[in-house]
């Protein structure tokens, strides 16, 4: 008796592989988020007693104990942790010890400033990094590379606080072109975003240059050149898709780092974002606010990395199907 074999369609195989890939990455993301939040919760409790900072001078031990009881700090660490997790799962991240306001409200007020700063810095990083990376790769050994690569190396070597101080001295103190601190319109965004973008731009430039140099000897590039492709057409029609994955990888990581690394830049420029709030809250041992900021930053970091991984599958479907793409 003849047997009938059922063959799965390529689209169904691709869909199944993509679903498993997404589910696996999502599970890893949630596990990472849980681990970070747990570590920060217990690390904060080792930093000291916030009640001692909140009571006025001359307060007695009984006053401190009553405040600790009011804040829930007299409970065991395990009970505090269970209470924190239970409330967090319901969207309640607690009240600020210092300002007696919901921690989420304080973050919501500051988040737009940090988000604007991070996005502006990322756009500057991509514009400079990708442009310089492509130019130096296509002109290897020429004057363009000799001029631009030292700038890239200097940008990667200089810490953000030093770059920020130099920019303030030149453009605010010396030339008086731009404001040095605070938020007072779009011009206030320039110096902080350039400072924050300096390290990321250098990293993106080096990754882009390496990716382009790796693709230049390929057969399809020689064929494109033989057909007369050059300049913008060579980059946009032939190189762009093949160098997108490494550039996308570093861009996704840099965006997450920009959100988390804005603390130093915000302190230098007195920027009213989450970085300033983090420093103030850590100094005051305002546990609920610090925990809420960490949850938000970790969540953003995890989401950005997850979206980056998923975009790999859009650019190259073999990534989400275990390297098995559709049959020819």
Protein backbone atom coordinates (compact mmCIF):
# COMPACT_ATOMS: atom_id res chain seq x y z
CA UNK A 1 0.00 0.00 0.00
CA UNK A 2 1.37 3.36 -1.00
CA UNK A 3 2.26 5.76 1.77
CA UNK A 4 1.47 9.44 1.60
CA UNK A 5 4.09 11.79 3.00
CA UNK A 6 2.96 15.13 4.35
CA UNK A 7 5.46 17.88 3.79
CA UNK A 8 5.33 21.06 5.80
CA UNK A 9 5.28 24.24 3.82
CA UNK A 10 8.31 26.54 4.12
CA UNK A 11 6.12 29.34 5.50
CA UNK A 12 4.85 27.11 8.32
CA UNK A 13 8.40 25.98 9.13
CA UNK A 14 9.56 29.61 9.18
CA UNK A 15 6.63 30.64 11.40
CA UNK A 16 7.32 27.82 13.86
CA UNK A 17 11.02 28.65 14.05
CA UNK A 18 10.31 32.34 14.54
CA UNK A 19 7.81 31.62 17.32
CA UNK A 20 10.30 29.45 19.20
CA UNK A 21 12.99 32.07 18.74
CA UNK A 22 10.76 34.87 20.08
CA UNK A 23 9.55 32.75 23.02
CA UNK A 24 13.11 31.82 23.96
CA UNK A 25 14.37 35.41 23.83
CA UNK A 26 11.36 36.66 25.80
CA UNK A 27 11.94 34.05 28.52
CA UNK A 28 15.60 35.04 28.81
CA UNK A 29 14.61 38.73 28.96
CA UNK A 30 12.14 38.19 31.82
CA UNK A 31 14.66 36.08 33.74
CA UNK A 32 17.33 38.78 33.36
CA UNK A 33 14.90 41.47 34.53
CA UNK A 34 13.95 39.44 37.60
CA UNK A 35 17.61 38.85 38.48
CA UNK A 36 18.58 42.52 38.21
CA UNK A 37 15.63 43.70 40.31
CA UNK A 38 16.36 41.11 43.00
CA UNK A 39 20.05 41.99 43.23
CA UNK A 40 19.33 45.72 43.47
CA UNK A 41 16.68 45.20 46.15
CA UNK A 42 19.06 43.40 48.50
CA UNK A 43 22.07 45.59 47.62
CA UNK A 44 20.13 48.72 48.61
CA UNK A 45 19.35 47.24 52.02
CA UNK A 46 23.09 46.88 52.63
CA UNK A 47 23.72 50.58 51.96
CA UNK A 48 22.41 51.78 55.30
CA UNK A 49 19.30 52.82 57.19
CA UNK A 50 17.30 55.56 55.41
CA UNK A 51 15.37 56.36 58.59
CA UNK A 52 18.49 57.88 60.14
CA UNK A 53 18.73 60.34 57.24
CA UNK A 54 15.06 61.29 57.36
CA UNK A 55 14.68 62.13 61.05
CA UNK A 56 15.58 65.63 62.26
CA UNK A 57 18.65 66.34 64.36
CA UNK A 58 18.22 65.31 67.96
CA UNK A 59 15.78 62.49 67.21
CA UNK A 60 15.80 59.66 69.72
CA UNK A 61 16.20 55.98 69.01
CA UNK A 62 12.46 55.57 69.62
CA UNK A 63 11.70 58.20 66.94
CA UNK A 64 13.91 56.37 64.46
CA UNK A 65 12.27 53.06 65.29
CA UNK A 66 8.77 54.50 64.81
CA UNK A 67 9.79 55.88 61.40
CA UNK A 68 11.31 52.54 60.39
CA UNK A 69 8.09 50.83 61.39
CA UNK A 70 6.06 53.35 59.36
CA UNK A 71 8.24 52.75 56.31
CA UNK A 72 8.03 48.98 56.71
CA UNK A 73 11.75 48.62 57.36
CA UNK A 74 11.31 46.71 60.63
CA UNK A 75 9.97 43.68 58.77
CA UNK A 76 12.35 40.91 57.79
CA UNK A 77 14.16 41.23 54.46
CA UNK A 78 12.19 38.30 53.07
CA UNK A 79 8.85 39.94 54.02
CA UNK A 80 9.98 43.24 52.52
CA UNK A 81 11.02 41.46 49.34
CA UNK A 82 7.70 39.58 49.03
CA UNK A 83 5.79 42.80 49.67
CA UNK A 84 7.86 44.66 47.06
CA UNK A 85 7.41 41.97 44.39
CA UNK A 86 3.67 41.67 45.04
CA UNK A 87 3.14 45.41 44.72
CA UNK A 88 5.41 45.69 41.68
CA UNK A 89 3.43 43.01 39.84
CA UNK A 90 0.33 45.16 40.39
CA UNK A 91 2.07 48.31 39.15
CA UNK A 92 2.69 49.81 42.60
CA UNK A 93 6.37 50.75 42.96
CA UNK A 94 5.97 52.44 46.33
CA UNK A 95 6.16 55.99 47.68
CA UNK A 96 9.25 58.13 47.90
CA UNK A 97 10.60 58.31 51.47
CA UNK A 98 11.78 61.87 50.90
CA UNK A 99 9.01 63.47 48.83
CA UNK A 100 6.14 61.23 49.97
CA UNK A 101 4.89 60.86 46.39
CA UNK A 102 4.47 57.77 44.22
CA UNK A 103 7.85 56.80 42.80
CA UNK A 104 6.30 56.25 39.38
CA UNK A 105 5.09 59.87 39.33
CA UNK A 106 8.60 61.19 39.99
CA UNK A 107 9.96 59.02 37.19
CA UNK A 108 7.22 60.04 34.77
CA UNK A 109 8.11 63.72 35.32
CA UNK A 110 11.81 63.15 34.60
CA UNK A 111 11.65 60.45 31.92
CA UNK A 112 10.90 62.74 28.91
CA UNK A 113 14.09 64.73 29.54
CA UNK A 114 16.28 61.62 29.67
CA UNK A 115 14.50 60.06 26.68
CA UNK A 116 14.99 63.20 24.57
CA UNK A 117 18.65 63.31 25.53
CA UNK A 118 19.23 59.61 24.76
CA UNK A 119 17.42 59.71 21.40
CA UNK A 120 19.24 62.87 20.31
CA UNK A 121 22.56 61.30 21.32
CA UNK A 122 21.75 58.09 19.42
CA UNK A 123 20.84 60.00 16.25
CA UNK A 124 24.09 61.96 16.43
CA UNK A 125 26.00 58.73 17.08
CA UNK A 126 24.46 56.98 14.08
CA UNK A 127 24.91 59.97 11.78
CA UNK A 128 28.57 60.42 12.69
CA UNK A 129 29.45 56.77 13.29
CA UNK A 130 27.97 55.24 10.15
CA UNK A 131 29.19 58.08 7.92
CA UNK A 132 32.74 58.01 9.26
CA UNK A 133 32.84 54.21 9.29
CA UNK A 134 31.84 53.93 5.64
CA UNK A 135 34.13 56.76 4.50
CA UNK A 136 37.21 55.40 6.27
CA UNK A 137 36.55 51.86 4.99
CA UNK A 138 36.04 52.90 1.38
CA UNK A 139 39.12 55.16 1.53
CA UNK A 140 41.46 52.87 3.42
CA UNK A 141 45.01 54.19 3.45
CA UNK A 142 43.96 57.58 2.07
CA UNK A 143 43.88 61.02 3.72
CA UNK A 144 40.23 60.58 4.77
CA UNK A 145 41.15 57.67 7.00
CA UNK A 146 44.25 59.42 8.38
CA UNK A 147 42.16 62.45 9.36
CA UNK A 148 39.00 60.78 10.69
CA UNK A 149 40.33 57.74 12.58
CA UNK A 150 42.31 59.80 15.15
CA UNK A 151 39.08 61.69 15.88
CA UNK A 152 37.28 58.37 16.40
CA UNK A 153 40.01 57.08 18.70
CA UNK A 154 40.04 60.32 20.68
CA UNK A 155 36.27 60.16 21.09
CA UNK A 156 36.48 56.61 22.40
CA UNK A 157 39.34 57.39 24.76
CA UNK A 158 37.94 60.53 26.39
CA UNK A 159 35.48 59.96 29.29
CA UNK A 160 32.11 61.71 29.13
CA UNK A 161 32.79 64.04 32.06
CA UNK A 162 35.97 65.34 30.41
CA UNK A 163 34.26 65.84 27.05
CA UNK A 164 31.39 67.65 28.75
CA UNK A 165 33.67 70.00 30.66
CA UNK A 166 35.63 70.85 27.49
CA UNK A 167 32.43 71.60 25.59
CA UNK A 168 31.20 73.85 28.41
CA UNK A 169 34.52 75.73 28.53
CA UNK A 170 34.60 76.28 24.77
CA UNK A 171 30.97 76.86 23.76
CA UNK A 172 29.45 78.23 26.96
CA UNK A 173 32.22 80.01 28.85
CA UNK A 174 34.45 81.01 25.93
CA UNK A 175 32.20 81.61 22.94
CA UNK A 176 28.92 82.03 24.89
CA UNK A 177 26.99 80.33 22.10
CA UNK A 178 25.14 77.71 24.09
CA UNK A 179 23.72 77.39 27.63
CA UNK A 180 25.84 75.34 30.00
CA UNK A 181 23.29 73.95 32.45
CA UNK A 182 19.60 73.16 32.83
CA UNK A 183 16.88 72.95 30.22
CA UNK A 184 15.99 76.18 28.46
CA UNK A 185 14.83 75.20 24.98
CA UNK A 186 16.25 73.06 22.16
CA UNK A 187 19.70 74.70 22.27
CA UNK A 188 20.16 73.31 25.78
CA UNK A 189 20.06 69.81 24.30
CA UNK A 190 23.10 70.24 22.05
CA UNK A 191 26.01 70.06 24.50
CA UNK A 192 24.62 67.20 26.64
CA UNK A 193 23.68 65.13 23.58
CA UNK A 194 27.10 65.64 21.94
CA UNK A 195 28.78 64.68 25.21
CA UNK A 196 26.65 61.57 25.59
CA UNK A 197 27.09 60.65 21.92
CA UNK A 198 30.88 60.87 21.86
CA UNK A 199 31.63 57.34 23.08
CA UNK A 200 28.75 55.73 21.18
CA UNK A 201 29.65 57.47 17.91
CA UNK A 202 33.20 56.16 18.13
CA UNK A 203 32.01 52.60 18.82
CA UNK A 204 29.52 52.69 15.93
CA UNK A 205 32.17 54.11 13.58
CA UNK A 206 34.62 51.31 14.35
CA UNK A 207 32.00 48.58 14.01
CA UNK A 208 30.73 50.05 10.73
CA UNK A 209 34.25 50.33 9.36
CA UNK A 210 35.01 46.72 10.28
CA UNK A 211 31.76 45.45 8.74
CA UNK A 212 32.36 47.34 5.49
CA UNK A 213 35.97 46.15 5.24
CA UNK A 214 34.73 42.58 5.70
CA UNK A 215 32.27 42.93 2.82
CA UNK A 216 34.50 44.75 0.32
CA UNK A 217 36.41 41.62 -0.88
CA UNK A 218 33.18 39.65 -1.44
CA UNK A 219 32.25 38.52 -4.97
CA UNK A 220 29.03 40.55 -5.09
CA UNK A 221 31.01 43.73 -4.33
CA UNK A 222 33.50 43.06 -7.11
CA UNK A 223 30.60 42.38 -9.47
CA UNK A 224 28.89 45.64 -8.45
CA UNK A 225 32.07 47.59 -9.06
CA UNK A 226 32.56 45.91 -12.42
CA UNK A 227 29.07 47.07 -13.39
CA UNK A 228 30.01 50.65 -12.57
CA UNK A 229 28.41 50.98 -9.13
CA UNK A 230 30.19 53.44 -6.88
CA UNK A 231 29.69 55.95 -4.11
CA UNK A 232 26.17 56.23 -2.74
CA UNK A 233 24.74 53.53 -5.01
CA UNK A 234 27.38 51.02 -3.92
CA UNK A 235 26.63 51.69 -0.25
CA UNK A 236 22.84 51.94 -0.37
CA UNK A 237 22.07 49.10 -2.80
CA UNK A 238 24.80 46.58 -2.02
CA UNK A 239 26.53 47.25 1.29
CA UNK A 240 23.71 48.52 3.53
CA UNK A 241 21.81 45.28 4.06
CA UNK A 242 24.93 43.20 4.62
CA UNK A 243 26.46 45.48 7.24
CA UNK A 244 23.15 46.21 8.96
CA UNK A 245 23.29 43.40 11.55
CA UNK A 246 26.57 44.39 13.28
CA UNK A 247 25.62 48.08 13.14
CA UNK A 248 22.15 47.30 14.48
CA UNK A 249 23.68 45.25 17.28
CA UNK A 250 25.95 48.00 18.52
CA UNK A 251 23.24 50.67 18.02
CA UNK A 252 20.77 48.74 20.16
CA UNK A 253 23.34 48.23 22.90
CA UNK A 254 24.41 51.86 22.73
CA UNK A 255 20.82 53.12 23.06
CA UNK A 256 20.41 51.07 26.22
CA UNK A 257 23.78 52.32 27.47
CA UNK A 258 22.82 55.90 26.66
CA UNK A 259 19.71 55.64 28.81
CA UNK A 260 21.68 54.10 31.66
CA UNK A 261 24.82 56.13 31.20
CA UNK A 262 23.19 59.55 31.15
CA UNK A 263 23.85 59.97 34.89
CA UNK A 264 27.28 61.60 34.52
CA UNK A 265 26.16 63.81 31.65
CA UNK A 266 23.03 64.94 33.48
CA UNK A 267 25.06 65.84 36.56
CA UNK A 268 27.56 67.88 34.52
CA UNK A 269 24.85 69.85 32.74
CA UNK A 270 22.31 69.88 35.60
CA UNK A 271 19.90 68.14 33.24
CA UNK A 272 16.53 67.49 34.97
CA UNK A 273 16.31 63.82 33.98
CA UNK A 274 16.46 60.40 35.59
CA UNK A 275 20.22 60.65 36.12
CA UNK A 276 19.82 63.57 38.50
CA UNK A 277 16.93 61.82 40.24
CA UNK A 278 19.03 58.67 40.63
CA UNK A 279 21.92 60.52 42.29
CA UNK A 280 19.55 62.35 44.64
CA UNK A 281 17.68 59.18 45.55
CA UNK A 282 20.82 57.11 46.16
CA UNK A 283 22.28 59.84 48.37
CA UNK A 284 19.07 59.97 50.41
CA UNK A 285 18.69 56.15 50.41
CA UNK A 286 15.24 56.60 48.92
CA UNK A 287 14.77 52.88 48.24
CA UNK A 288 11.41 52.96 46.40
CA UNK A 289 12.58 55.56 43.89
CA UNK A 290 15.90 53.80 43.23
CA UNK A 291 14.12 50.46 42.81
CA UNK A 292 11.60 51.99 40.42
CA UNK A 293 14.37 53.57 38.33
CA UNK A 294 16.23 50.25 38.18
CA UNK A 295 13.07 48.41 37.10
CA UNK A 296 12.46 50.97 34.37
CA UNK A 297 16.09 51.03 33.17
CA UNK A 298 16.34 47.23 33.21
CA UNK A 299 13.02 46.89 31.41
CA UNK A 300 14.08 49.36 28.72
CA UNK A 301 17.43 47.60 28.34
CA UNK A 302 15.76 44.20 28.01
CA UNK A 303 13.13 45.46 25.56
CA UNK A 304 15.73 47.17 23.37
CA UNK A 305 17.86 44.04 23.25
CA UNK A 306 14.80 41.90 22.52
CA UNK A 307 13.72 44.21 19.69
CA UNK A 308 17.27 44.16 18.34
CA UNK A 309 17.27 40.36 18.32
CA UNK A 310 13.90 40.28 16.56
CA UNK A 311 15.09 42.75 13.94
CA UNK A 312 17.89 40.31 13.12
CA UNK A 313 15.19 37.96 11.86
CA UNK A 314 13.75 40.69 9.66
CA UNK A 315 17.12 41.54 8.13
CA UNK A 316 18.30 37.92 7.89
CA UNK A 317 15.58 35.24 8.39
CA UNK A 318 18.25 32.59 8.97
CA UNK A 319 18.85 34.08 12.42
CA UNK A 320 15.34 33.19 13.64
CA UNK A 321 15.23 29.80 11.89
CA UNK A 322 18.48 28.45 13.23
CA UNK A 323 20.37 29.20 10.03
CA UNK A 324 18.07 27.05 7.91
CA UNK A 325 16.32 29.59 5.71
CA UNK A 326 13.64 28.67 3.25
CA UNK A 327 14.36 25.95 0.74
CA UNK A 328 15.48 27.09 -2.67
